PDB file of N, CA and C in Angstrom:
ATOM      1  N   UNK A   1     -23.590 -28.836  13.303  1.00  0.00           N
ATOM      2  CA  UNK A   1     -22.975 -27.521  13.367  1.00  0.00           C
ATOM      3  C   UNK A   1     -23.849 -26.578  14.185  1.00  0.00           C
ATOM      4  N   UNK A   2     -23.212 -25.815  15.032  1.00  0.00           N
ATOM      5  CA  UNK A   2     -23.889 -24.825  15.853  1.00  0.00           C
ATOM      6  C   UNK A   2     -23.960 -23.516  15.068  1.00  0.00           C
ATOM      7  N   UNK A   3     -25.179 -22.985  14.883  1.00  0.00           N
ATOM      8  CA  UNK A   3     -25.355 -21.708  14.189  1.00  0.00           C
ATOM      9  C   UNK A   3     -25.185 -20.577  15.204  1.00  0.00           C
ATOM     10  N   UNK A   4     -24.239 -19.690  14.912  1.00  0.00           N
ATOM     11  CA  UNK A   4     -23.873 -18.643  15.858  1.00  0.00           C
ATOM     12  C   UNK A   4     -24.002 -17.268  15.206  1.00  0.00           C
ATOM     13  N   UNK A   5     -24.418 -16.288  16.017  1.00  0.00           N
ATOM     14  CA  UNK A   5     -24.466 -14.900  15.594  1.00  0.00           C
ATOM     15  C   UNK A   5     -23.638 -14.045  16.536  1.00  0.00           C
ATOM     16  N   UNK A   6     -23.247 -12.878  16.044  1.00  0.00           N
ATOM     17  CA  UNK A   6     -22.490 -11.919  16.867  1.00  0.00           C
ATOM     18  C   UNK A   6     -23.115 -10.545  16.674  1.00  0.00           C
ATOM     19  N   UNK A   7     -23.514  -9.927  17.778  1.00  0.00           N
ATOM     20  CA  UNK A   7     -23.987  -8.543  17.752  1.00  0.00           C
ATOM     21  C   UNK A   7     -22.884  -7.679  18.332  1.00  0.00           C
ATOM     22  N   UNK A   8     -22.478  -6.668  17.579  1.00  0.00           N
ATOM     23  CA  UNK A   8     -21.368  -5.821  17.990  1.00  0.00           C
ATOM     24  C   UNK A   8     -20.075  -6.245  17.320  1.00  0.00           C
ATOM     25  N   UNK A   9     -20.182  -6.768  16.118  1.00  0.00           N
ATOM     26  CA  UNK A   9     -19.023  -7.326  15.414  1.00  0.00           C
ATOM     27  C   UNK A   9     -18.035  -6.249  14.968  1.00  0.00           C
ATOM     28  N   UNK A  10     -18.404  -4.995  15.009  1.00  0.00           N
ATOM     29  CA  UNK A  10     -17.494  -3.937  14.554  1.00  0.00           C
ATOM     30  C   UNK A  10     -16.499  -3.503  15.630  1.00  0.00           C
ATOM     31  N   UNK A  11     -16.689  -3.953  16.860  1.00  0.00           N
ATOM     32  CA  UNK A  11     -15.771  -3.604  17.934  1.00  0.00           C
ATOM     33  C   UNK A  11     -14.725  -4.678  18.175  1.00  0.00           C
ATOM     34  N   UNK A  12     -13.803  -4.395  19.070  1.00  0.00           N
ATOM     35  CA  UNK A  12     -12.681  -5.302  19.330  1.00  0.00           C
ATOM     36  C   UNK A  12     -13.145  -6.680  19.804  1.00  0.00           C
ATOM     37  N   UNK A  13     -14.013  -6.733  20.797  1.00  0.00           N
ATOM     38  CA  UNK A  13     -14.489  -8.023  21.312  1.00  0.00           C
ATOM     39  C   UNK A  13     -15.247  -8.793  20.241  1.00  0.00           C
ATOM     40  N   UNK A  14     -16.042  -8.089  19.457  1.00  0.00           N
ATOM     41  CA  UNK A  14     -16.825  -8.725  18.417  1.00  0.00           C
ATOM     42  C   UNK A  14     -15.980  -9.346  17.329  1.00  0.00           C
ATOM     43  N   UNK A  15     -14.964  -8.634  16.870  1.00  0.00           N
ATOM     44  CA  UNK A  15     -14.123  -9.179  15.800  1.00  0.00           C
ATOM     45  C   UNK A  15     -13.241 -10.309  16.316  1.00  0.00           C
ATOM     46  N   UNK A  16     -12.814 -10.223  17.567  1.00  0.00           N
ATOM     47  CA  UNK A  16     -12.016 -11.321  18.136  1.00  0.00           C
ATOM     48  C   UNK A  16     -12.874 -12.580  18.236  1.00  0.00           C
ATOM     49  N   UNK A  17     -14.119 -12.425  18.679  1.00  0.00           N
ATOM     50  CA  UNK A  17     -15.034 -13.571  18.736  1.00  0.00           C
ATOM     51  C   UNK A  17     -15.270 -14.125  17.335  1.00  0.00           C
ATOM     52  N   UNK A  18     -15.483 -13.245  16.374  1.00  0.00           N
ATOM     53  CA  UNK A  18     -15.722 -13.676  15.000  1.00  0.00           C
ATOM     54  C   UNK A  18     -14.540 -14.478  14.455  1.00  0.00           C
ATOM     55  N   UNK A  19     -13.359 -13.966  14.647  1.00  0.00           N
ATOM     56  CA  UNK A  19     -12.174 -14.661  14.125  1.00  0.00           C
ATOM     57  C   UNK A  19     -12.028 -16.052  14.745  1.00  0.00           C
ATOM     58  N   UNK A  20     -12.232 -16.164  16.037  1.00  0.00           N
ATOM     59  CA  UNK A  20     -12.155 -17.469  16.694  1.00  0.00           C
ATOM     60  C   UNK A  20     -13.249 -18.413  16.197  1.00  0.00           C
ATOM     61  N   UNK A  21     -14.458 -17.900  16.081  1.00  0.00           N
ATOM     62  CA  UNK A  21     -15.591 -18.739  15.684  1.00  0.00           C
ATOM     63  C   UNK A  21     -15.509 -19.172  14.220  1.00  0.00           C
ATOM     64  N   UNK A  22     -14.966 -18.325  13.362  1.00  0.00           N
ATOM     65  CA  UNK A  22     -14.825 -18.701  11.952  1.00  0.00           C
ATOM     66  C   UNK A  22     -13.867 -19.880  11.772  1.00  0.00           C
ATOM     67  N   UNK A  23     -12.963 -20.039  12.710  1.00  0.00           N
ATOM     68  CA  UNK A  23     -11.980 -21.118  12.634  1.00  0.00           C
ATOM     69  C   UNK A  23     -12.410 -22.365  13.418  1.00  0.00           C
ATOM     70  N   UNK A  24     -13.533 -22.287  14.108  1.00  0.00           N
ATOM     71  CA  UNK A  24     -13.993 -23.415  14.924  1.00  0.00           C
ATOM     72  C   UNK A  24     -14.644 -24.473  14.032  1.00  0.00           C
ATOM     73  N   UNK A  25     -14.251 -25.720  14.165  1.00  0.00           N
ATOM     74  CA  UNK A  25     -14.766 -26.765  13.267  1.00  0.00           C
ATOM     75  C   UNK A  25     -16.237 -27.133  13.474  1.00  0.00           C
ATOM     76  N   UNK A  26     -16.817 -26.803  14.622  1.00  0.00           N
ATOM     77  CA  UNK A  26     -18.201 -27.188  14.919  1.00  0.00           C
ATOM     78  C   UNK A  26     -19.174 -26.014  14.901  1.00  0.00           C
ATOM     79  N   UNK A  27     -18.725 -24.884  14.372  1.00  0.00           N
ATOM     80  CA  UNK A  27     -19.529 -23.660  14.383  1.00  0.00           C
ATOM     81  C   UNK A  27     -19.629 -23.089  12.973  1.00  0.00           C
ATOM     82  N   UNK A  28     -20.799 -22.576  12.653  1.00  0.00           N
ATOM     83  CA  UNK A  28     -20.964 -21.776  11.440  1.00  0.00           C
ATOM     84  C   UNK A  28     -21.571 -20.437  11.867  1.00  0.00           C
ATOM     85  N   UNK A  29     -20.885 -19.355  11.544  1.00  0.00           N
ATOM     86  CA  UNK A  29     -21.387 -18.020  11.873  1.00  0.00           C
ATOM     87  C   UNK A  29     -22.395 -17.652  10.788  1.00  0.00           C
ATOM     88  N   UNK A  30     -23.645 -17.480  11.196  1.00  0.00           N
ATOM     89  CA  UNK A  30     -24.716 -17.232  10.236  1.00  0.00           C
ATOM     90  C   UNK A  30     -25.239 -15.799  10.250  1.00  0.00           C
ATOM     91  N   UNK A  31     -24.897 -15.041  11.296  1.00  0.00           N
ATOM     92  CA  UNK A  31     -25.399 -13.669  11.375  1.00  0.00           C
ATOM     93  C   UNK A  31     -24.418 -12.786  12.140  1.00  0.00           C
ATOM     94  N   UNK A  32     -24.166 -11.602  11.597  1.00  0.00           N
ATOM     95  CA  UNK A  32     -23.375 -10.591  12.304  1.00  0.00           C
ATOM     96  C   UNK A  32     -24.054  -9.242  12.151  1.00  0.00           C
ATOM     97  N   UNK A  33     -23.997  -8.470  13.210  1.00  0.00           N
ATOM     98  CA  UNK A  33     -24.603  -7.148  13.176  1.00  0.00           C
ATOM     99  C   UNK A  33     -23.846  -6.182  14.064  1.00  0.00           C
ATOM    100  N   UNK A  34     -24.058  -4.914  13.817  1.00  0.00           N
ATOM    101  CA  UNK A  34     -23.423  -3.857  14.600  1.00  0.00           C
ATOM    102  C   UNK A  34     -24.393  -2.687  14.705  1.00  0.00           C
ATOM    103  N   UNK A  35     -24.075  -1.759  15.552  1.00  0.00           N
ATOM    104  CA  UNK A  35     -24.955  -0.616  15.758  1.00  0.00           C
ATOM    105  C   UNK A  35     -24.826   0.415  14.641  1.00  0.00           C
ATOM    106  N   UNK A  36     -23.589   0.729  14.242  1.00  0.00           N
ATOM    107  CA  UNK A  36     -23.369   1.815  13.286  1.00  0.00           C
ATOM    108  C   UNK A  36     -22.490   1.437  12.103  1.00  0.00           C
ATOM    109  N   UNK A  37     -22.207   0.164  11.916  1.00  0.00           N
ATOM    110  CA  UNK A  37     -21.322  -0.264  10.841  1.00  0.00           C
ATOM    111  C   UNK A  37     -22.050  -1.262   9.968  1.00  0.00           C
ATOM    112  N   UNK A  38     -21.968  -1.064   8.668  1.00  0.00           N
ATOM    113  CA  UNK A  38     -22.631  -1.967   7.737  1.00  0.00           C
ATOM    114  C   UNK A  38     -21.680  -2.325   6.607  1.00  0.00           C
ATOM    115  N   UNK A  39     -21.959  -3.412   5.939  1.00  0.00           N
ATOM    116  CA  UNK A  39     -21.151  -3.807   4.789  1.00  0.00           C
ATOM    117  C   UNK A  39     -20.540  -5.176   4.961  1.00  0.00           C
ATOM    118  N   UNK A  40     -19.740  -5.564   3.973  1.00  0.00           N
ATOM    119  CA  UNK A  40     -19.071  -6.857   4.004  1.00  0.00           C
ATOM    120  C   UNK A  40     -18.033  -6.877   5.124  1.00  0.00           C
ATOM    121  N   UNK A  41     -17.973  -7.989   5.815  1.00  0.00           N
ATOM    122  CA  UNK A  41     -16.966  -8.144   6.878  1.00  0.00           C
ATOM    123  C   UNK A  41     -15.568  -7.963   6.307  1.00  0.00           C
ATOM    124  N   UNK A  42     -15.350  -8.433   5.082  1.00  0.00           N
ATOM    125  CA  UNK A  42     -14.021  -8.307   4.457  1.00  0.00           C
ATOM    126  C   UNK A  42     -13.628  -6.853   4.216  1.00  0.00           C
ATOM    127  N   UNK A  43     -14.612  -5.954   4.136  1.00  0.00           N
ATOM    128  CA  UNK A  43     -14.321  -4.523   3.991  1.00  0.00           C
ATOM    129  C   UNK A  43     -14.101  -3.869   5.353  1.00  0.00           C
ATOM    130  N   UNK A  44     -14.851  -4.336   6.350  1.00  0.00           N
ATOM    131  CA  UNK A  44     -14.722  -3.782   7.704  1.00  0.00           C
ATOM    132  C   UNK A  44     -13.435  -4.285   8.353  1.00  0.00           C
ATOM    133  N   UNK A  45     -13.178  -5.569   8.182  1.00  0.00           N
ATOM    134  CA  UNK A  45     -12.001  -6.236   8.757  1.00  0.00           C
ATOM    135  C   UNK A  45     -11.265  -6.968   7.629  1.00  0.00           C
ATOM    136  N   UNK A  46     -10.403  -6.262   6.876  1.00  0.00           N
ATOM    137  CA  UNK A  46      -9.738  -6.860   5.709  1.00  0.00           C
ATOM    138  C   UNK A  46      -8.948  -8.139   6.002  1.00  0.00           C
ATOM    139  N   UNK A  47      -8.448  -8.296   7.208  1.00  0.00           N
ATOM    140  CA  UNK A  47      -7.670  -9.503   7.517  1.00  0.00           C
ATOM    141  C   UNK A  47      -8.537 -10.771   7.525  1.00  0.00           C
ATOM    142  N   UNK A  48      -9.867 -10.611   7.469  1.00  0.00           N
ATOM    143  CA  UNK A  48     -10.771 -11.763   7.451  1.00  0.00           C
ATOM    144  C   UNK A  48     -11.322 -12.047   6.046  1.00  0.00           C
ATOM    145  N   UNK A  49     -10.777 -11.383   5.025  1.00  0.00           N
ATOM    146  CA  UNK A  49     -11.361 -11.490   3.684  1.00  0.00           C
ATOM    147  C   UNK A  49     -11.359 -12.901   3.114  1.00  0.00           C
ATOM    148  N   UNK A  50     -10.452 -13.761   3.516  1.00  0.00           N
ATOM    149  CA  UNK A  50     -10.431 -15.130   2.989  1.00  0.00           C
ATOM    150  C   UNK A  50     -11.252 -16.098   3.850  1.00  0.00           C
ATOM    151  N   UNK A  51     -11.743 -15.624   4.988  1.00  0.00           N
ATOM    152  CA  UNK A  51     -12.466 -16.508   5.902  1.00  0.00           C
ATOM    153  C   UNK A  51     -13.979 -16.427   5.794  1.00  0.00           C
ATOM    154  N   UNK A  52     -14.506 -15.325   5.285  1.00  0.00           N
ATOM    155  CA  UNK A  52     -15.973 -15.176   5.292  1.00  0.00           C
ATOM    156  C   UNK A  52     -16.456 -14.215   4.215  1.00  0.00           C
ATOM    157  N   UNK A  53     -17.684 -14.450   3.811  1.00  0.00           N
ATOM    158  CA  UNK A  53     -18.384 -13.547   2.896  1.00  0.00           C
ATOM    159  C   UNK A  53     -19.575 -12.893   3.599  1.00  0.00           C
ATOM    160  N   UNK A  54     -19.611 -12.977   4.925  1.00  0.00           N
ATOM    161  CA  UNK A  54     -20.710 -12.411   5.705  1.00  0.00           C
ATOM    162  C   UNK A  54     -20.828 -10.906   5.497  1.00  0.00           C
ATOM    163  N   UNK A  55     -22.057 -10.418   5.624  1.00  0.00           N
ATOM    164  CA  UNK A  55     -22.321  -8.983   5.592  1.00  0.00           C
ATOM    165  C   UNK A  55     -22.859  -8.571   6.953  1.00  0.00           C
ATOM    166  N   UNK A  56     -22.461  -7.419   7.383  1.00  0.00           N
ATOM    167  CA  UNK A  56     -22.847  -6.881   8.691  1.00  0.00           C
ATOM    168  C   UNK A  56     -24.117  -6.036   8.550  1.00  0.00           C
ATOM    169  N   UNK A  57     -25.139  -6.377   9.332  1.00  0.00           N
ATOM    170  CA  UNK A  57     -26.364  -5.575   9.395  1.00  0.00           C
ATOM    171  C   UNK A  57     -26.158  -4.393  10.335  1.00  0.00           C
ATOM    172  N   UNK A  58     -26.685  -3.249   9.948  1.00  0.00           N
ATOM    173  CA  UNK A  58     -26.687  -2.102  10.841  1.00  0.00           C
ATOM    174  C   UNK A  58     -27.963  -1.308  10.591  1.00  0.00           C
ATOM    175  N   UNK A  59     -28.755  -1.121  11.625  1.00  0.00           N
ATOM    176  CA  UNK A  59     -28.576  -1.648  12.971  1.00  0.00           C
ATOM    177  C   UNK A  59     -28.799  -3.159  12.985  1.00  0.00           C
ATOM    178  N   UNK A  60     -28.259  -3.794  14.014  1.00  0.00           N
ATOM    179  CA  UNK A  60     -28.409  -5.249  14.115  1.00  0.00           C
ATOM    180  C   UNK A  60     -29.887  -5.610  14.231  1.00  0.00           C
ATOM    181  N   UNK A  61     -30.224  -6.804  13.781  1.00  0.00           N
ATOM    182  CA  UNK A  61     -31.609  -7.244  13.703  1.00  0.00           C
ATOM    183  C   UNK A  61     -31.825  -8.412  14.669  1.00  0.00           C
ATOM    184  N   UNK A  62     -32.572  -8.186  15.725  1.00  0.00           N
ATOM    185  CA  UNK A  62     -32.828  -9.203  16.743  1.00  0.00           C
ATOM    186  C   UNK A  62     -33.550 -10.409  16.147  1.00  0.00           C
ATOM    187  N   UNK A  63     -34.460 -10.173  15.215  1.00  0.00           N
ATOM    188  CA  UNK A  63     -35.223 -11.282  14.631  1.00  0.00           C
ATOM    189  C   UNK A  63     -34.325 -12.202  13.802  1.00  0.00           C
ATOM    190  N   UNK A  64     -33.366 -11.646  13.082  1.00  0.00           N
ATOM    191  CA  UNK A  64     -32.406 -12.471  12.347  1.00  0.00           C
ATOM    192  C   UNK A  64     -31.473 -13.195  13.307  1.00  0.00           C
ATOM    193  N   UNK A  65     -31.034 -12.497  14.338  1.00  0.00           N
ATOM    194  CA  UNK A  65     -30.145 -13.108  15.331  1.00  0.00           C
ATOM    195  C   UNK A  65     -30.838 -14.260  16.047  1.00  0.00           C
ATOM    196  N   UNK A  66     -32.143 -14.148  16.225  1.00  0.00           N
ATOM    197  CA  UNK A  66     -32.904 -15.172  16.946  1.00  0.00           C
ATOM    198  C   UNK A  66     -32.988 -16.494  16.180  1.00  0.00           C
ATOM    199  N   UNK A  67     -32.573 -16.508  14.931  1.00  0.00           N
ATOM    200  CA  UNK A  67     -32.546 -17.748  14.146  1.00  0.00           C
ATOM    201  C   UNK A  67     -31.280 -18.566  14.446  1.00  0.00           C
ATOM    202  N   UNK A  68     -30.389 -18.005  15.235  1.00  0.00           N
ATOM    203  CA  UNK A  68     -29.151 -18.690  15.619  1.00  0.00           C
ATOM    204  C   UNK A  68     -29.405 -19.567  16.847  1.00  0.00           C
ATOM    205  N   UNK A  69     -28.529 -20.542  17.042  1.00  0.00           N
ATOM    206  CA  UNK A  69     -28.586 -21.366  18.250  1.00  0.00           C
ATOM    207  C   UNK A  69     -28.004 -20.607  19.439  1.00  0.00           C
ATOM    208  N   UNK A  70     -27.013 -19.780  19.148  1.00  0.00           N
ATOM    209  CA  UNK A  70     -26.293 -19.039  20.189  1.00  0.00           C
ATOM    210  C   UNK A  70     -25.866 -17.693  19.615  1.00  0.00           C
ATOM    211  N   UNK A  71     -25.955 -16.654  20.426  1.00  0.00           N
ATOM    212  CA  UNK A  71     -25.535 -15.318  19.994  1.00  0.00           C
ATOM    213  C   UNK A  71     -24.550 -14.751  21.006  1.00  0.00           C
ATOM    214  N   UNK A  72     -23.433 -14.268  20.494  1.00  0.00           N
ATOM    215  CA  UNK A  72     -22.449 -13.560  21.310  1.00  0.00           C
ATOM    216  C   UNK A  72     -22.783 -12.076  21.257  1.00  0.00           C
ATOM    217  N   UNK A  73     -22.822 -11.437  22.421  1.00  0.00           N
ATOM    218  CA  UNK A  73     -23.094 -10.003  22.502  1.00  0.00           C
ATOM    219  C   UNK A  73     -21.805  -9.274  22.837  1.00  0.00           C
ATOM    220  N   UNK A  74     -21.376  -8.413  21.943  1.00  0.00           N
ATOM    221  CA  UNK A  74     -20.191  -7.584  22.154  1.00  0.00           C
ATOM    222  C   UNK A  74     -20.643  -6.130  22.051  1.00  0.00           C
ATOM    223  N   UNK A  75     -21.656  -5.825  22.825  1.00  0.00           N
ATOM    224  CA  UNK A  75     -22.336  -4.533  22.758  1.00  0.00           C
ATOM    225  C   UNK A  75     -21.867  -3.593  23.865  1.00  0.00           C
ATOM    226  N   UNK A  76     -22.091  -2.287  23.696  1.00  0.00           N
ATOM    227  CA  UNK A  76     -21.758  -1.338  24.764  1.00  0.00           C
ATOM    228  C   UNK A  76     -22.527  -1.660  26.046  1.00  0.00           C
ATOM    229  N   UNK A  77     -21.966  -1.252  27.193  1.00  0.00           N
ATOM    230  CA  UNK A  77     -22.606  -1.569  28.466  1.00  0.00           C
ATOM    231  C   UNK A  77     -24.047  -1.058  28.493  1.00  0.00           C
ATOM    232  N   UNK A  78     -24.868  -1.769  29.165  1.00  0.00           N
ATOM    233  CA  UNK A  78     -26.319  -1.607  29.357  1.00  0.00           C
ATOM    234  C   UNK A  78     -27.149  -2.063  28.150  1.00  0.00           C
ATOM    235  N   UNK A  79     -26.569  -2.148  26.970  1.00  0.00           N
ATOM    236  CA  UNK A  79     -27.326  -2.570  25.789  1.00  0.00           C
ATOM    237  C   UNK A  79     -27.613  -4.076  25.844  1.00  0.00           C
ATOM    238  N   UNK A  80     -26.661  -4.845  26.349  1.00  0.00           N
ATOM    239  CA  UNK A  80     -26.884  -6.292  26.467  1.00  0.00           C
ATOM    240  C   UNK A  80     -28.082  -6.597  27.359  1.00  0.00           C
ATOM    241  N   UNK A  81     -28.307  -5.784  28.383  1.00  0.00           N
ATOM    242  CA  UNK A  81     -29.451  -5.996  29.268  1.00  0.00           C
ATOM    243  C   UNK A  81     -30.774  -5.805  28.538  1.00  0.00           C
ATOM    244  N   UNK A  82     -30.768  -5.007  27.490  1.00  0.00           N
ATOM    245  CA  UNK A  82     -31.980  -4.795  26.703  1.00  0.00           C
ATOM    246  C   UNK A  82     -32.194  -5.943  25.713  1.00  0.00           C
ATOM    247  N   UNK A  83     -31.123  -6.458  25.141  1.00  0.00           N
ATOM    248  CA  UNK A  83     -31.184  -7.451  24.065  1.00  0.00           C
ATOM    249  C   UNK A  83     -31.360  -8.879  24.596  1.00  0.00           C
ATOM    250  N   UNK A  84     -30.687  -9.200  25.678  1.00  0.00           N
ATOM    251  CA  UNK A  84     -30.662 -10.577  26.193  1.00  0.00           C
ATOM    252  C   UNK A  84     -32.048 -11.158  26.482  1.00  0.00           C
ATOM    253  N   UNK A  85     -32.930 -10.470  27.201  1.00  0.00           N
ATOM    254  CA  UNK A  85     -34.239 -11.074  27.499  1.00  0.00           C
ATOM    255  C   UNK A  85     -35.022 -11.483  26.255  1.00  0.00           C
ATOM    256  N   UNK A  86     -34.966 -10.678  25.211  1.00  0.00           N
ATOM    257  CA  UNK A  86     -35.697 -10.997  23.985  1.00  0.00           C
ATOM    258  C   UNK A  86     -35.124 -12.251  23.309  1.00  0.00           C
ATOM    259  N   UNK A  87     -33.805 -12.371  23.278  1.00  0.00           N
ATOM    260  CA  UNK A  87     -33.185 -13.559  22.685  1.00  0.00           C
ATOM    261  C   UNK A  87     -33.480 -14.809  23.508  1.00  0.00           C
ATOM    262  N   UNK A  88     -33.418 -14.677  24.827  1.00  0.00           N
ATOM    263  CA  UNK A  88     -33.705 -15.823  25.689  1.00  0.00           C
ATOM    264  C   UNK A  88     -35.146 -16.306  25.523  1.00  0.00           C
ATOM    265  N   UNK A  89     -36.084 -15.369  25.373  1.00  0.00           N
ATOM    266  CA  UNK A  89     -37.492 -15.735  25.160  1.00  0.00           C
ATOM    267  C   UNK A  89     -37.663 -16.564  23.891  1.00  0.00           C
ATOM    268  N   UNK A  90     -36.797 -16.333  22.909  1.00  0.00           N
ATOM    269  CA  UNK A  90     -36.879 -17.045  21.635  1.00  0.00           C
ATOM    270  C   UNK A  90     -36.068 -18.347  21.663  1.00  0.00           C
ATOM    271  N   UNK A  91     -35.526 -18.696  22.836  1.00  0.00           N
ATOM    272  CA  UNK A  91     -34.805 -19.945  22.987  1.00  0.00           C
ATOM    273  C   UNK A  91     -33.355 -19.918  22.547  1.00  0.00           C
ATOM    274  N   UNK A  92     -32.805 -18.728  22.369  1.00  0.00           N
ATOM    275  CA  UNK A  92     -31.419 -18.576  21.930  1.00  0.00           C
ATOM    276  C   UNK A  92     -30.504 -18.530  23.147  1.00  0.00           C
ATOM    277  N   UNK A  93     -29.417 -19.247  23.107  1.00  0.00           N
ATOM    278  CA  UNK A  93     -28.408 -19.147  24.169  1.00  0.00           C
ATOM    279  C   UNK A  93     -27.616 -17.869  23.925  1.00  0.00           C
ATOM    280  N   UNK A  94     -27.280 -17.155  24.998  1.00  0.00           N
ATOM    281  CA  UNK A  94     -26.604 -15.873  24.887  1.00  0.00           C
ATOM    282  C   UNK A  94     -25.303 -15.909  25.684  1.00  0.00           C
ATOM    283  N   UNK A  95     -24.242 -15.443  25.045  1.00  0.00           N
ATOM    284  CA  UNK A  95     -22.959 -15.269  25.725  1.00  0.00           C
ATOM    285  C   UNK A  95     -22.628 -13.795  25.641  1.00  0.00           C
ATOM    286  N   UNK A  96     -22.624 -13.127  26.792  1.00  0.00           N
ATOM    287  CA  UNK A  96     -22.407 -11.683  26.851  1.00  0.00           C
ATOM    288  C   UNK A  96     -20.937 -11.396  27.109  1.00  0.00           C
ATOM    289  N   UNK A  97     -20.314 -10.662  26.197  1.00  0.00           N
ATOM    290  CA  UNK A  97     -18.911 -10.283  26.356  1.00  0.00           C
ATOM    291  C   UNK A  97     -18.757  -8.907  26.999  1.00  0.00           C
ATOM    292  N   UNK A  98     -19.862  -8.233  27.261  1.00  0.00           N
ATOM    293  CA  UNK A  98     -19.805  -6.918  27.912  1.00  0.00           C
ATOM    294  C   UNK A  98     -19.801  -7.096  29.430  1.00  0.00           C
ATOM    295  N   UNK A  99     -19.907  -6.002  30.144  1.00  0.00           N
ATOM    296  CA  UNK A  99     -19.911  -6.070  31.597  1.00  0.00           C
ATOM    297  C   UNK A  99     -21.287  -6.204  32.215  1.00  0.00           C
ATOM    298  N   UNK A 100     -22.330  -6.209  31.403  1.00  0.00           N
ATOM    299  CA  UNK A 100     -23.693  -6.142  31.926  1.00  0.00           C
ATOM    300  C   UNK A 100     -24.061  -7.267  32.888  1.00  0.00           C
ATOM    301  N   UNK A 101     -23.603  -8.465  32.628  1.00  0.00           N
ATOM    302  CA  UNK A 101     -24.010  -9.601  33.442  1.00  0.00           C
ATOM    303  C   UNK A 101     -22.861 -10.198  34.249  1.00  0.00           C
ATOM    304  N   UNK A 102     -21.844  -9.421  34.505  1.00  0.00           N
ATOM    305  CA  UNK A 102     -20.710  -9.934  35.283  1.00  0.00           C
ATOM    306  C   UNK A 102     -21.039 -10.087  36.759  1.00  0.00           C
ATOM    307  N   UNK A 103     -21.945  -9.273  37.245  1.00  0.00           N
ATOM    308  CA  UNK A 103     -22.320  -9.335  38.659  1.00  0.00           C
ATOM    309  C   UNK A 103     -23.691  -9.988  38.787  1.00  0.00           C
ATOM    310  N   UNK A 104     -23.942 -10.576  39.941  1.00  0.00           N
ATOM    311  CA  UNK A 104     -25.179 -11.338  40.147  1.00  0.00           C
ATOM    312  C   UNK A 104     -26.422 -10.455  40.071  1.00  0.00           C
ATOM    313  N   UNK A 105     -26.353  -9.247  40.582  1.00  0.00           N
ATOM    314  CA  UNK A 105     -27.516  -8.372  40.587  1.00  0.00           C
ATOM    315  C   UNK A 105     -27.307  -7.215  39.621  1.00  0.00           C
ATOM    316  N   UNK A 106     -28.254  -6.996  38.727  1.00  0.00           N
ATOM    317  CA  UNK A 106     -28.150  -5.902  37.773  1.00  0.00           C
ATOM    318  C   UNK A 106     -28.058  -4.551  38.481  1.00  0.00           C
ATOM    319  N   UNK A 107     -28.729  -4.415  39.609  1.00  0.00           N
ATOM    320  CA  UNK A 107     -28.706  -3.144  40.332  1.00  0.00           C
ATOM    321  C   UNK A 107     -27.297  -2.827  40.846  1.00  0.00           C
ATOM    322  N   UNK A 108     -26.527  -3.853  41.164  1.00  0.00           N
ATOM    323  CA  UNK A 108     -25.149  -3.642  41.622  1.00  0.00           C
ATOM    324  C   UNK A 108     -24.309  -3.056  40.502  1.00  0.00           C
ATOM    325  N   UNK A 109     -24.508  -3.567  39.284  1.00  0.00           N
ATOM    326  CA  UNK A 109     -23.746  -3.079  38.125  1.00  0.00           C
ATOM    327  C   UNK A 109     -24.044  -1.613  37.861  1.00  0.00           C
ATOM    328  N   UNK A 110     -25.340  -1.273  37.920  1.00  0.00           N
ATOM    329  CA  UNK A 110     -25.726   0.121  37.640  1.00  0.00           C
ATOM    330  C   UNK A 110     -25.107   1.047  38.645  1.00  0.00           C
TER     331      UNK A 110
END
């Protein structure tokens, strides 16, 4: 099983990723976090109440996320650029759902 985390789970991209990953047979979601939202996922997103008992950290914790094999970033623009290098240094694979890494050069995005 692949251990996966999601940072930014309180937003649209984050919850869509969470819902897909919770149903994936080869994935276990072990960590979720958000910038300003805390509590049980079932309280934040009631439609997921039968799928998970996860709790959302706020603010998200990079050290907890780094225990995952892969982390999905659903963070506001420019924040992924701050978080990604630290996760990569810890050997975590990162999938960015924001716009930060869509272009080859970071300076082009800015």
